[in-house]
Amino acid sequence: MTVGRRIRELRRAKGLTQRELASLVRLDHTYVSKIENDRLPYTPAATTLEALAKALDADELELLALANKLPSGMRAAAGTPEARAFFRRTAGLVKSPQQWQALLQTIEEELDAEGEESDQ
């Protein structure tokens, strides 16, 4: 699926016209049409995708991933709804570098324990 097709799906699900969506995000309706029909010679800017996601009550990470606007290390990790939910949830909870380190250590310990179980 392309980012344009996904935006079209989301817009239609919200019952918006291209003009209405364009107005919400302060874009020209012809630009929204080009995005939806994959007729741009480039992918929309990350800020544009974020604004579209917000207007459509959509997952901005999903749109950024579809548009290849995520760093390479994040693309695979953000490829599933579960992974994106994990990122959003942890970003809302974890406030300090120490908390991030503790979370990472917990995850690594869990993965190590699973690896030991599968070796037996």
PDB file of N, CA and C in Angstrom:
ATOM      1  N   MET A   1       0.851  -1.183   0.000  1.00  0.00           N
ATOM      2  CA  MET A   1       0.000   0.000   0.000  1.00  0.00           C
ATOM      3  C   MET A   1       0.896   1.246   0.000  1.00  0.00           C
ATOM      4  N   THR A   2       0.475   2.245  -0.727  1.00  0.00           N
ATOM      5  CA  THR A   2       1.219   3.498  -0.771  1.00  0.00           C
ATOM      6  C   THR A   2       0.659   4.466   0.263  1.00  0.00           C
ATOM      7  N   VAL A   3       1.435   5.471   0.578  1.00  0.00           N
ATOM      8  CA  VAL A   3       0.971   6.484   1.529  1.00  0.00           C
ATOM      9  C   VAL A   3      -0.242   7.219   0.956  1.00  0.00           C
ATOM     10  N   GLY A   4      -0.251   7.460  -0.336  1.00  0.00           N
ATOM     11  CA  GLY A   4      -1.386   8.143  -0.955  1.00  0.00           C
ATOM     12  C   GLY A   4      -2.677   7.351  -0.842  1.00  0.00           C
ATOM     13  N   ARG A   5      -2.588   6.061  -1.119  1.00  0.00           N
ATOM     14  CA  ARG A   5      -3.790   5.218  -1.010  1.00  0.00           C
ATOM     15  C   ARG A   5      -4.295   5.164   0.430  1.00  0.00           C
ATOM     16  N   ARG A   6      -3.347   5.103   1.369  1.00  0.00           N
ATOM     17  CA  ARG A   6      -3.745   5.044   2.781  1.00  0.00           C
ATOM     18  C   ARG A   6      -4.424   6.346   3.205  1.00  0.00           C
ATOM     19  N   ILE A   7      -3.890   7.466   2.767  1.00  0.00           N
ATOM     20  CA  ILE A   7      -4.504   8.757   3.088  1.00  0.00           C
ATOM     21  C   ILE A   7      -5.908   8.830   2.501  1.00  0.00           C
ATOM     22  N   ARG A   8      -6.088   8.346   1.265  1.00  0.00           N
ATOM     23  CA  ARG A   8      -7.411   8.333   0.652  1.00  0.00           C
ATOM     24  C   ARG A   8      -8.376   7.477   1.488  1.00  0.00           C
ATOM     25  N   GLU A   9      -7.937   6.292   1.899  1.00  0.00           N
ATOM     26  CA  GLU A   9      -8.775   5.420   2.739  1.00  0.00           C
ATOM     27  C   GLU A   9      -9.201   6.135   4.019  1.00  0.00           C
ATOM     28  N   LEU A  10      -8.234   6.742   4.672  1.00  0.00           N
ATOM     29  CA  LEU A  10      -8.504   7.428   5.939  1.00  0.00           C
ATOM     30  C   LEU A  10      -9.460   8.600   5.741  1.00  0.00           C
ATOM     31  N   ARG A  11      -9.234   9.365   4.683  1.00  0.00           N
ATOM     32  CA  ARG A  11     -10.099  10.521   4.397  1.00  0.00           C
ATOM     33  C   ARG A  11     -11.530  10.071   4.139  1.00  0.00           C
ATOM     34  N   ARG A  12     -11.677   9.056   3.328  1.00  0.00           N
ATOM     35  CA  ARG A  12     -13.019   8.554   3.018  1.00  0.00           C
ATOM     36  C   ARG A  12     -13.698   8.000   4.271  1.00  0.00           C
ATOM     37  N   ALA A  13     -12.932   7.325   5.108  1.00  0.00           N
ATOM     38  CA  ALA A  13     -13.500   6.771   6.343  1.00  0.00           C
ATOM     39  C   ALA A  13     -14.014   7.874   7.264  1.00  0.00           C
ATOM     40  N   LYS A  14     -13.392   9.040   7.203  1.00  0.00           N
ATOM     41  CA  LYS A  14     -13.834  10.181   8.011  1.00  0.00           C
ATOM     42  C   LYS A  14     -14.941  10.970   7.320  1.00  0.00           C
ATOM     43  N   GLY A  15     -15.268  10.599   6.092  1.00  0.00           N
ATOM     44  CA  GLY A  15     -16.327  11.279   5.366  1.00  0.00           C
ATOM     45  C   GLY A  15     -15.948  12.667   4.889  1.00  0.00           C
ATOM     46  N   LEU A  16     -14.662  12.871   4.625  1.00  0.00           N
ATOM     47  CA  LEU A  16     -14.175  14.177   4.169  1.00  0.00           C
ATOM     48  C   LEU A  16     -13.933  14.170   2.672  1.00  0.00           C
ATOM     49  N   THR A  17     -14.131  15.313   2.058  1.00  0.00           N
ATOM     50  CA  THR A  17     -13.727  15.489   0.666  1.00  0.00           C
ATOM     51  C   THR A  17     -12.255  15.897   0.653  1.00  0.00           C
ATOM     52  N   GLN A  18     -11.651  15.847  -0.523  1.00  0.00           N
ATOM     53  CA  GLN A  18     -10.268  16.315  -0.628  1.00  0.00           C
ATOM     54  C   GLN A  18     -10.171  17.793  -0.266  1.00  0.00           C
ATOM     55  N   ARG A  19     -11.144  18.566  -0.688  1.00  0.00           N
ATOM     56  CA  ARG A  19     -11.136  19.991  -0.367  1.00  0.00           C
ATOM     57  C   ARG A  19     -11.231  20.226   1.136  1.00  0.00           C
ATOM     58  N   GLU A  20     -12.081  19.452   1.807  1.00  0.00           N
ATOM     59  CA  GLU A  20     -12.225  19.618   3.262  1.00  0.00           C
ATOM     60  C   GLU A  20     -10.929  19.245   3.977  1.00  0.00           C
ATOM     61  N   LEU A  21     -10.320  18.137   3.575  1.00  0.00           N
ATOM     62  CA  LEU A  21      -9.047  17.739   4.178  1.00  0.00           C
ATOM     63  C   LEU A  21      -7.979  18.792   3.912  1.00  0.00           C
ATOM     64  N   ALA A  22      -7.913  19.254   2.680  1.00  0.00           N
ATOM     65  CA  ALA A  22      -6.933  20.276   2.320  1.00  0.00           C
ATOM     66  C   ALA A  22      -7.105  21.523   3.183  1.00  0.00           C
ATOM     67  N   SER A  23      -8.328  21.914   3.410  1.00  0.00           N
ATOM     68  CA  SER A  23      -8.610  23.085   4.235  1.00  0.00           C
ATOM     69  C   SER A  23      -8.153  22.868   5.674  1.00  0.00           C
ATOM     70  N   LEU A  24      -8.372  21.674   6.199  1.00  0.00           N
ATOM     71  CA  LEU A  24      -7.975  21.368   7.580  1.00  0.00           C
ATOM     72  C   LEU A  24      -6.470  21.474   7.786  1.00  0.00           C
ATOM     73  N   VAL A  25      -5.707  21.082   6.778  1.00  0.00           N
ATOM     74  CA  VAL A  25      -4.249  21.072   6.922  1.00  0.00           C
ATOM     75  C   VAL A  25      -3.566  22.201   6.156  1.00  0.00           C
ATOM     76  N   ARG A  26      -4.385  23.111   5.638  1.00  0.00           N
ATOM     77  CA  ARG A  26      -3.885  24.290   4.920  1.00  0.00           C
ATOM     78  C   ARG A  26      -3.002  23.934   3.721  1.00  0.00           C
ATOM     79  N   LEU A  27      -3.561  23.014   2.912  1.00  0.00           N
ATOM     80  CA  LEU A  27      -2.919  22.635   1.657  1.00  0.00           C
ATOM     81  C   LEU A  27      -3.878  22.934   0.520  1.00  0.00           C
ATOM     82  N   ASP A  28      -3.363  23.029  -0.661  1.00  0.00           N
ATOM     83  CA  ASP A  28      -4.211  23.166  -1.838  1.00  0.00           C
ATOM     84  C   ASP A  28      -4.854  21.812  -2.127  1.00  0.00           C
ATOM     85  N   HIS A  29      -6.115  21.813  -2.512  1.00  0.00           N
ATOM     86  CA  HIS A  29      -6.815  20.545  -2.756  1.00  0.00           C
ATOM     87  C   HIS A  29      -6.176  19.759  -3.905  1.00  0.00           C
ATOM     88  N   THR A  30      -5.552  20.460  -4.855  1.00  0.00           N
ATOM     89  CA  THR A  30      -4.901  19.736  -5.946  1.00  0.00           C
ATOM     90  C   THR A  30      -3.666  18.973  -5.436  1.00  0.00           C
ATOM     91  N   TYR A  31      -3.031  19.519  -4.407  1.00  0.00           N
ATOM     92  CA  TYR A  31      -1.877  18.841  -3.803  1.00  0.00           C
ATOM     93  C   TYR A  31      -2.343  17.570  -3.094  1.00  0.00           C
ATOM     94  N   VAL A  32      -3.450  17.653  -2.369  1.00  0.00           N
ATOM     95  CA  VAL A  32      -4.004  16.469  -1.702  1.00  0.00           C
ATOM     96  C   VAL A  32      -4.361  15.417  -2.751  1.00  0.00           C
ATOM     97  N   SER A  33      -4.943  15.847  -3.853  1.00  0.00           N
ATOM     98  CA  SER A  33      -5.281  14.916  -4.935  1.00  0.00           C
ATOM     99  C   SER A  33      -4.033  14.229  -5.471  1.00  0.00           C
ATOM    100  N   LYS A  34      -2.978  14.982  -5.683  1.00  0.00           N
ATOM    101  CA  LYS A  34      -1.730  14.400  -6.185  1.00  0.00           C
ATOM    102  C   LYS A  34      -1.137  13.412  -5.192  1.00  0.00           C
ATOM    103  N   ILE A  35      -1.227  13.731  -3.901  1.00  0.00           N
ATOM    104  CA  ILE A  35      -0.735  12.793  -2.883  1.00  0.00           C
ATOM    105  C   ILE A  35      -1.530  11.489  -2.973  1.00  0.00           C
ATOM    106  N   GLU A  36      -2.855  11.612  -2.947  1.00  0.00           N
ATOM    107  CA  GLU A  36      -3.713  10.426  -2.933  1.00  0.00           C
ATOM    108  C   GLU A  36      -3.569   9.572  -4.185  1.00  0.00           C
ATOM    109  N   ASN A  37      -3.265  10.192  -5.296  1.00  0.00           N
ATOM    110  CA  ASN A  37      -3.149   9.470  -6.565  1.00  0.00           C
ATOM    111  C   ASN A  37      -1.700   9.130  -6.914  1.00  0.00           C
ATOM    112  N   ASP A  38      -0.798   9.323  -5.947  1.00  0.00           N
ATOM    113  CA  ASP A  38       0.626   8.999  -6.132  1.00  0.00           C
ATOM    114  C   ASP A  38       1.201   9.654  -7.379  1.00  0.00           C
ATOM    115  N   ARG A  39       0.849  10.927  -7.568  1.00  0.00           N
ATOM    116  CA  ARG A  39       1.305  11.652  -8.750  1.00  0.00           C
ATOM    117  C   ARG A  39       2.344  12.726  -8.437  1.00  0.00           C
ATOM    118  N   LEU A  40       2.884  12.692  -7.233  1.00  0.00           N
ATOM    119  CA  LEU A  40       3.945  13.638  -6.900  1.00  0.00           C
ATOM    120  C   LEU A  40       5.282  13.041  -7.315  1.00  0.00           C
ATOM    121  N   PRO A  41       6.206  13.854  -7.787  1.00  0.00           N
ATOM    122  CA  PRO A  41       7.525  13.331  -8.140  1.00  0.00           C
ATOM    123  C   PRO A  41       8.408  13.109  -6.906  1.00  0.00           C
ATOM    124  N   TYR A  42       7.856  13.357  -5.738  1.00  0.00           N
ATOM    125  CA  TYR A  42       8.568  13.206  -4.469  1.00  0.00           C
ATOM    126  C   TYR A  42       7.537  12.830  -3.405  1.00  0.00           C
ATOM    127  N   THR A  43       8.010  12.379  -2.273  1.00  0.00           N
ATOM    128  CA  THR A  43       7.062  12.093  -1.191  1.00  0.00           C
ATOM    129  C   THR A  43       6.818  13.380  -0.397  1.00  0.00           C
ATOM    130  N   PRO A  44       5.632  13.520   0.158  1.00  0.00           N
ATOM    131  CA  PRO A  44       5.346  14.719   0.950  1.00  0.00           C
ATOM    132  C   PRO A  44       6.295  14.822   2.146  1.00  0.00           C
ATOM    133  N   ALA A  45       6.497  16.034   2.592  1.00  0.00           N
ATOM    134  CA  ALA A  45       7.363  16.273   3.743  1.00  0.00           C
ATOM    135  C   ALA A  45       6.793  15.605   4.984  1.00  0.00           C
ATOM    136  N   ALA A  46       7.665  15.262   5.907  1.00  0.00           N
ATOM    137  CA  ALA A  46       7.238  14.637   7.161  1.00  0.00           C
ATOM    138  C   ALA A  46       6.231  15.515   7.893  1.00  0.00           C
ATOM    139  N   THR A  47       6.436  16.828   7.876  1.00  0.00           N
ATOM    140  CA  THR A  47       5.499  17.716   8.563  1.00  0.00           C
ATOM    141  C   THR A  47       4.116  17.692   7.909  1.00  0.00           C
ATOM    142  N   THR A  48       4.091  17.539   6.590  1.00  0.00           N
ATOM    143  CA  THR A  48       2.811  17.429   5.882  1.00  0.00           C
ATOM    144  C   THR A  48       2.111  16.138   6.266  1.00  0.00           C
ATOM    145  N   LEU A  49       2.857  15.051   6.316  1.00  0.00           N
ATOM    146  CA  LEU A  49       2.276  13.763   6.688  1.00  0.00           C
ATOM    147  C   LEU A  49       1.773  13.780   8.131  1.00  0.00           C
ATOM    148  N   GLU A  50       2.515  14.438   8.997  1.00  0.00           N
ATOM    149  CA  GLU A  50       2.089  14.551  10.395  1.00  0.00           C
ATOM    150  C   GLU A  50       0.795  15.356  10.493  1.00  0.00           C
ATOM    151  N   ALA A  51       0.688  16.433   9.730  1.00  0.00           N
ATOM    152  CA  ALA A  51      -0.531  17.247   9.743  1.00  0.00           C
ATOM    153  C   ALA A  51      -1.717  16.455   9.188  1.00  0.00           C
ATOM    154  N   LEU A  52      -1.485  15.699   8.120  1.00  0.00           N
ATOM    155  CA  LEU A  52      -2.548  14.872   7.559  1.00  0.00           C
ATOM    156  C   LEU A  52      -2.986  13.804   8.566  1.00  0.00           C
ATOM    157  N   ALA A  53      -2.028  13.182   9.217  1.00  0.00           N
ATOM    158  CA  ALA A  53      -2.356  12.162  10.221  1.00  0.00           C
ATOM    159  C   ALA A  53      -3.199  12.762  11.342  1.00  0.00           C
ATOM    160  N   LYS A  54      -2.823  13.929  11.790  1.00  0.00           N
ATOM    161  CA  LYS A  54      -3.579  14.578  12.871  1.00  0.00           C
ATOM    162  C   LYS A  54      -5.006  14.892  12.414  1.00  0.00           C
ATOM    163  N   ALA A  55      -5.148  15.431  11.225  1.00  0.00           N
ATOM    164  CA  ALA A  55      -6.475  15.788  10.712  1.00  0.00           C
ATOM    165  C   ALA A  55      -7.346  14.555  10.494  1.00  0.00           C
ATOM    166  N   LEU A  56      -6.714  13.428  10.207  1.00  0.00           N
ATOM    167  CA  LEU A  56      -7.450  12.200   9.926  1.00  0.00           C
ATOM    168  C   LEU A  56      -7.549  11.279  11.143  1.00  0.00           C
ATOM    169  N   ASP A  57      -7.050  11.748  12.293  1.00  0.00           N
ATOM    170  CA  ASP A  57      -7.001  10.904  13.499  1.00  0.00           C
ATOM    171  C   ASP A  57      -6.314   9.578  13.190  1.00  0.00           C
ATOM    172  N   ALA A  58      -5.201   9.683  12.482  1.00  0.00           N
ATOM    173  CA  ALA A  58      -4.483   8.501  12.015  1.00  0.00           C
ATOM    174  C   ALA A  58      -3.142   8.366  12.731  1.00  0.00           C
ATOM    175  N   ASP A  59      -2.499   7.268  12.475  1.00  0.00           N
ATOM    176  CA  ASP A  59      -1.200   6.952  13.060  1.00  0.00           C
ATOM    177  C   ASP A  59      -0.109   7.613  12.216  1.00  0.00           C
ATOM    178  N   GLU A  60       0.519   8.639  12.765  1.00  0.00           N
ATOM    179  CA  GLU A  60       1.534   9.348  11.981  1.00  0.00           C
ATOM    180  C   GLU A  60       2.720   8.455  11.659  1.00  0.00           C
ATOM    181  N   LEU A  61       3.070   7.538  12.553  1.00  0.00           N
ATOM    182  CA  LEU A  61       4.175   6.633  12.256  1.00  0.00           C
ATOM    183  C   LEU A  61       3.856   5.748  11.056  1.00  0.00           C
ATOM    184  N   GLU A  62       2.598   5.342  10.928  1.00  0.00           N
ATOM    185  CA  GLU A  62       2.209   4.525   9.784  1.00  0.00           C
ATOM    186  C   GLU A  62       2.415   5.305   8.481  1.00  0.00           C
ATOM    187  N   LEU A  63       1.953   6.552   8.451  1.00  0.00           N
ATOM    188  CA  LEU A  63       2.111   7.352   7.231  1.00  0.00           C
ATOM    189  C   LEU A  63       3.580   7.628   6.944  1.00  0.00           C
ATOM    190  N   LEU A  64       4.347   7.941   7.975  1.00  0.00           N
ATOM    191  CA  LEU A  64       5.773   8.185   7.778  1.00  0.00           C
ATOM    192  C   LEU A  64       6.484   6.932   7.277  1.00  0.00           C
ATOM    193  N   ALA A  65       6.097   5.772   7.805  1.00  0.00           N
ATOM    194  CA  ALA A  65       6.703   4.515   7.350  1.00  0.00           C
ATOM    195  C   ALA A  65       6.332   4.232   5.898  1.00  0.00           C
ATOM    196  N   LEU A  66       5.063   4.423   5.542  1.00  0.00           N
ATOM    197  CA  LEU A  66       4.637   4.189   4.156  1.00  0.00           C
ATOM    198  C   LEU A  66       5.357   5.111   3.178  1.00  0.00           C
ATOM    199  N   ALA A  67       5.698   6.306   3.628  1.00  0.00           N
ATOM    200  CA  ALA A  67       6.379   7.277   2.770  1.00  0.00           C
ATOM    201  C   ALA A  67       7.904   7.166   2.844  1.00  0.00           C
ATOM    202  N   ASN A  68       8.391   6.169   3.561  1.00  0.00           N
ATOM    203  CA  ASN A  68       9.843   5.999   3.758  1.00  0.00           C
ATOM    204  C   ASN A  68      10.486   7.242   4.354  1.00  0.00           C
ATOM    205  N   LYS A  69       9.807   7.843   5.312  1.00  0.00           N
ATOM    206  CA  LYS A  69      10.321   9.046   5.964  1.00  0.00           C
ATOM    207  C   LYS A  69      10.892   8.740   7.354  1.00  0.00           C
ATOM    208  N   LEU A  70      10.988   7.469   7.702  1.00  0.00           N
ATOM    209  CA  LEU A  70      11.570   7.093   8.983  1.00  0.00           C
ATOM    210  C   LEU A  70      13.026   6.709   8.774  1.00  0.00           C
ATOM    211  N   PRO A  71      13.867   6.922   9.776  1.00  0.00           N
ATOM    212  CA  PRO A  71      15.249   6.444   9.660  1.00  0.00           C
ATOM    213  C   PRO A  71      15.250   4.931   9.437  1.00  0.00           C
ATOM    214  N   SER A  72      16.254   4.443   8.745  1.00  0.00           N
ATOM    215  CA  SER A  72      16.283   3.033   8.357  1.00  0.00           C
ATOM    216  C   SER A  72      16.118   2.100   9.557  1.00  0.00           C
ATOM    217  N   GLY A  73      16.686   2.428  10.681  1.00  0.00           N
ATOM    218  CA  GLY A  73      16.558   1.585  11.856  1.00  0.00           C
ATOM    219  C   GLY A  73      15.153   1.515  12.411  1.00  0.00           C
ATOM    220  N   MET A  74      14.327   2.506  12.093  1.00  0.00           N
ATOM    221  CA  MET A  74      12.961   2.549  12.593  1.00  0.00           C
ATOM    222  C   MET A  74      11.954   1.918  11.640  1.00  0.00           C
ATOM    223  N   ARG A  75      12.299   1.780  10.365  1.00  0.00           N
ATOM    224  CA  ARG A  75      11.320   1.313   9.378  1.00  0.00           C
ATOM    225  C   ARG A  75      10.736  -0.042   9.732  1.00  0.00           C
ATOM    226  N   ALA A  76      11.599  -1.009   9.996  1.00  0.00           N
ATOM    227  CA  ALA A  76      11.110  -2.347  10.312  1.00  0.00           C
ATOM    228  C   ALA A  76      10.378  -2.347  11.651  1.00  0.00           C
ATOM    229  N   ALA A  77      10.899  -1.598  12.603  1.00  0.00           N
ATOM    230  CA  ALA A  77      10.297  -1.576  13.934  1.00  0.00           C
ATOM    231  C   ALA A  77       8.917  -0.940  13.927  1.00  0.00           C
ATOM    232  N   ALA A  78       8.675   0.010  13.036  1.00  0.00           N
ATOM    233  CA  ALA A  78       7.379   0.697  12.998  1.00  0.00           C
ATOM    234  C   ALA A  78       6.443   0.090  11.968  1.00  0.00           C
ATOM    235  N   GLY A  79       6.786  -1.093  11.494  1.00  0.00           N
ATOM    236  CA  GLY A  79       6.014  -1.698  10.427  1.00  0.00           C
ATOM    237  C   GLY A  79       4.713  -2.354  10.838  1.00  0.00           C
ATOM    238  N   THR A  80       4.488  -2.537  12.125  1.00  0.00           N
ATOM    239  CA  THR A  80       3.254  -3.187  12.563  1.00  0.00           C
ATOM    240  C   THR A  80       2.486  -2.267  13.513  1.00  0.00           C
ATOM    241  N   PRO A  81       1.182  -2.422  13.567  1.00  0.00           N
ATOM    242  CA  PRO A  81       0.391  -1.609  14.510  1.00  0.00           C
ATOM    243  C   PRO A  81       0.823  -1.815  15.957  1.00  0.00           C
ATOM    244  N   GLU A  82       1.222  -3.049  16.286  1.00  0.00           N
ATOM    245  CA  GLU A  82       1.650  -3.340  17.656  1.00  0.00           C
ATOM    246  C   GLU A  82       2.930  -2.589  18.008  1.00  0.00           C
ATOM    247  N   ALA A  83       3.861  -2.547  17.077  1.00  0.00           N
ATOM    248  CA  ALA A  83       5.109  -1.828  17.327  1.00  0.00           C
ATOM    249  C   ALA A  83       4.849  -0.335  17.473  1.00  0.00           C
ATOM    250  N   ARG A  84       3.989   0.203  16.617  1.00  0.00           N
ATOM    251  CA  ARG A  84       3.682   1.634  16.717  1.00  0.00           C
ATOM    252  C   ARG A  84       2.978   1.949  18.028  1.00  0.00           C
ATOM    253  N   ALA A  85       2.106   1.061  18.477  1.00  0.00           N
ATOM    254  CA  ALA A  85       1.430   1.261  19.762  1.00  0.00           C
ATOM    255  C   ALA A  85       2.447   1.231  20.898  1.00  0.00           C
ATOM    256  N   PHE A  86       3.420   0.336  20.807  1.00  0.00           N
ATOM    257  CA  PHE A  86       4.475   0.260  21.821  1.00  0.00           C
ATOM    258  C   PHE A  86       5.257   1.572  21.879  1.00  0.00           C
ATOM    259  N   PHE A  87       5.645   2.087  20.726  1.00  0.00           N
ATOM    260  CA  PHE A  87       6.399   3.343  20.694  1.00  0.00           C
ATOM    261  C   PHE A  87       5.609   4.493  21.311  1.00  0.00           C
ATOM    262  N   ARG A  88       4.338   4.603  20.934  1.00  0.00           N
ATOM    263  CA  ARG A  88       3.522   5.692  21.480  1.00  0.00           C
ATOM    264  C   ARG A  88       3.346   5.550  22.987  1.00  0.00           C
ATOM    265  N   ARG A  89       3.104   4.331  23.428  1.00  0.00           N
ATOM    266  CA  ARG A  89       2.871   4.104  24.863  1.00  0.00           C
ATOM    267  C   ARG A  89       4.128   4.396  25.675  1.00  0.00           C
ATOM    268  N   THR A  90       5.271   3.893  25.228  1.00  0.00           N
ATOM    269  CA  THR A  90       6.492   4.121  25.991  1.00  0.00           C
ATOM    270  C   THR A  90       6.911   5.582  25.936  1.00  0.00           C
ATOM    271  N   ALA A  91       6.719   6.227  24.808  1.00  0.00           N
ATOM    272  CA  ALA A  91       7.079   7.642  24.713  1.00  0.00           C
ATOM    273  C   ALA A  91       6.269   8.486  25.687  1.00  0.00           C
ATOM    274  N   GLY A  92       5.034   8.067  25.969  1.00  0.00           N
ATOM    275  CA  GLY A  92       4.195   8.799  26.905  1.00  0.00           C
ATOM    276  C   GLY A  92       4.530   8.522  28.354  1.00  0.00           C
ATOM    277  N   LEU A  93       5.197   7.416  28.623  1.00  0.00           N
ATOM    278  CA  LEU A  93       5.496   7.025  29.996  1.00  0.00           C
ATOM    279  C   LEU A  93       6.914   7.343  30.437  1.00  0.00           C
ATOM    280  N   VAL A  94       7.854   7.113  29.548  1.00  0.00           N
ATOM    281  CA  VAL A  94       9.261   7.216  29.908  1.00  0.00           C
ATOM    282  C   VAL A  94       9.712   8.668  29.796  1.00  0.00           C
ATOM    283  N   LYS A  95      10.254   9.188  30.900  1.00  0.00           N
ATOM    284  CA  LYS A  95      10.584  10.617  30.959  1.00  0.00           C
ATOM    285  C   LYS A  95      12.077  10.914  31.063  1.00  0.00           C
ATOM    286  N   SER A  96      12.877   9.945  31.440  1.00  0.00           N
ATOM    287  CA  SER A  96      14.300  10.243  31.656  1.00  0.00           C
ATOM    288  C   SER A  96      15.179   9.193  30.973  1.00  0.00           C
ATOM    289  N   PRO A  97      16.445   9.527  30.739  1.00  0.00           N
ATOM    290  CA  PRO A  97      17.369   8.540  30.165  1.00  0.00           C
ATOM    291  C   PRO A  97      17.490   7.288  31.049  1.00  0.00           C
ATOM    292  N   GLN A  98      17.390   7.469  32.349  1.00  0.00           N
ATOM    293  CA  GLN A  98      17.493   6.332  33.260  1.00  0.00           C
ATOM    294  C   GLN A  98      16.292   5.391  33.084  1.00  0.00           C
ATOM    295  N   GLN A  99      15.116   5.963  32.869  1.00  0.00           N
ATOM    296  CA  GLN A  99      13.940   5.130  32.645  1.00  0.00           C
ATOM    297  C   GLN A  99      14.054   4.379  31.312  1.00  0.00           C
ATOM    298  N   TRP A 100      14.581   5.045  30.289  1.00  0.00           N
ATOM    299  CA  TRP A 100      14.782   4.361  29.012  1.00  0.00           C
ATOM    300  C   TRP A 100      15.764   3.200  29.188  1.00  0.00           C
ATOM    301  N   GLN A 101      16.833   3.440  29.929  1.00  0.00           N
ATOM    302  CA  GLN A 101      17.823   2.384  30.163  1.00  0.00           C
ATOM    303  C   GLN A 101      17.209   1.218  30.926  1.00  0.00           C
ATOM    304  N   ALA A 102      16.400   1.508  31.941  1.00  0.00           N
ATOM    305  CA  ALA A 102      15.750   0.447  32.711  1.00  0.00           C
ATOM    306  C   ALA A 102      14.793  -0.358  31.823  1.00  0.00           C
ATOM    307  N   LEU A 103      14.048   0.321  30.965  1.00  0.00           N
ATOM    308  CA  LEU A 103      13.136  -0.364  30.058  1.00  0.00           C
ATOM    309  C   LEU A 103      13.915  -1.247  29.091  1.00  0.00           C
ATOM    310  N   LEU A 104      14.972  -0.727  28.542  1.00  0.00           N
ATOM    311  CA  LEU A 104      15.808  -1.503  27.620  1.00  0.00           C
ATOM    312  C   LEU A 104      16.377  -2.729  28.327  1.00  0.00           C
ATOM    313  N   GLN A 105      16.848  -2.573  29.537  1.00  0.00           N
ATOM    314  CA  GLN A 105      17.403  -3.696  30.291  1.00  0.00           C
ATOM    315  C   GLN A 105      16.331  -4.763  30.539  1.00  0.00           C
ATOM    316  N   THR A 106      15.131  -4.337  30.893  1.00  0.00           N
ATOM    317  CA  THR A 106      14.031  -5.285  31.111  1.00  0.00           C
ATOM    318  C   THR A 106      13.728  -6.064  29.835  1.00  0.00           C
ATOM    319  N   ILE A 107      13.673  -5.368  28.720  1.00  0.00           N
ATOM    320  CA  ILE A 107      13.398  -6.030  27.440  1.00  0.00           C
ATOM    321  C   ILE A 107      14.502  -7.021  27.101  1.00  0.00           C
ATOM    322  N   GLU A 108      15.749  -6.607  27.272  1.00  0.00           N
ATOM    323  CA  GLU A 108      16.870  -7.493  26.963  1.00  0.00           C
ATOM    324  C   GLU A 108      16.869  -8.724  27.857  1.00  0.00           C
ATOM    325  N   GLU A 109      16.557  -8.547  29.132  1.00  0.00           N
ATOM    326  CA  GLU A 109      16.484  -9.685  30.053  1.00  0.00           C
ATOM    327  C   GLU A 109      15.380 -10.648  29.627  1.00  0.00           C
ATOM    328  N   GLU A 110      14.239 -10.106  29.202  1.00  0.00           N
ATOM    329  CA  GLU A 110      13.126 -10.944  28.757  1.00  0.00           C
ATOM    330  C   GLU A 110      13.510 -11.723  27.500  1.00  0.00           C
ATOM    331  N   LEU A 111      14.157 -11.055  26.564  1.00  0.00           N
ATOM    332  CA  LEU A 111      14.570 -11.725  25.332  1.00  0.00           C
ATOM    333  C   LEU A 111      15.631 -12.786  25.608  1.00  0.00           C
ATOM    334  N   ASP A 112      16.563 -12.489  26.516  1.00  0.00           N
ATOM    335  CA  ASP A 112      17.573 -13.473  26.899  1.00  0.00           C
ATOM    336  C   ASP A 112      16.926 -14.697  27.526  1.00  0.00           C
ATOM    337  N   ALA A 113      15.932 -14.483  28.389  1.00  0.00           N
ATOM    338  CA  ALA A 113      15.236 -15.606  29.045  1.00  0.00           C
ATOM    339  C   ALA A 113      14.490 -16.443  28.006  1.00  0.00           C
ATOM    340  N   GLU A 114      13.866 -15.800  27.033  1.00  0.00           N
ATOM    341  CA  GLU A 114      13.176 -16.545  25.975  1.00  0.00           C
ATOM    342  C   GLU A 114      14.148 -17.367  25.159  1.00  0.00           C
ATOM    343  N   GLY A 115      15.335 -16.797  24.893  1.00  0.00           N
ATOM    344  CA  GLY A 115      16.361 -17.511  24.141  1.00  0.00           C
ATOM    345  C   GLY A 115      16.852 -18.732  24.888  1.00  0.00           C
ATOM    346  N   GLU A 116      17.012 -18.610  26.212  1.00  0.00           N
ATOM    347  CA  GLU A 116      17.434 -19.738  27.022  1.00  0.00           C
ATOM    348  C   GLU A 116      16.380 -20.826  27.040  1.00  0.00           C
ATOM    349  N   GLU A 117      15.093 -20.442  27.072  1.00  0.00           N
ATOM    350  CA  GLU A 117      14.007 -21.431  27.073  1.00  0.00           C
ATOM    351  C   GLU A 117      13.963 -22.198  25.759  1.00  0.00           C
ATOM    352  N   SER A 118      14.220 -21.521  24.648  1.00  0.00           N
ATOM    353  CA  SER A 118      14.147 -22.191  23.350  1.00  0.00           C
ATOM    354  C   SER A 118      15.353 -23.098  23.135  1.00  0.00           C
ATOM    355  N   ASP A 119      16.455 -22.849  23.851  1.00  0.00           N
ATOM    356  CA  ASP A 119      17.648 -23.700  23.725  1.00  0.00           C
ATOM    357  C   ASP A 119      17.471 -25.028  24.455  1.00  0.00           C
ATOM    358  N   GLN A 120      16.525 -25.087  25.371  1.00  0.00           N
ATOM    359  CA  GLN A 120      16.361 -26.299  26.182  1.00  0.00           C
ATOM    360  C   GLN A 120      15.517 -27.330  25.495  1.00  0.00           C
TER     361      GLN A 120
END
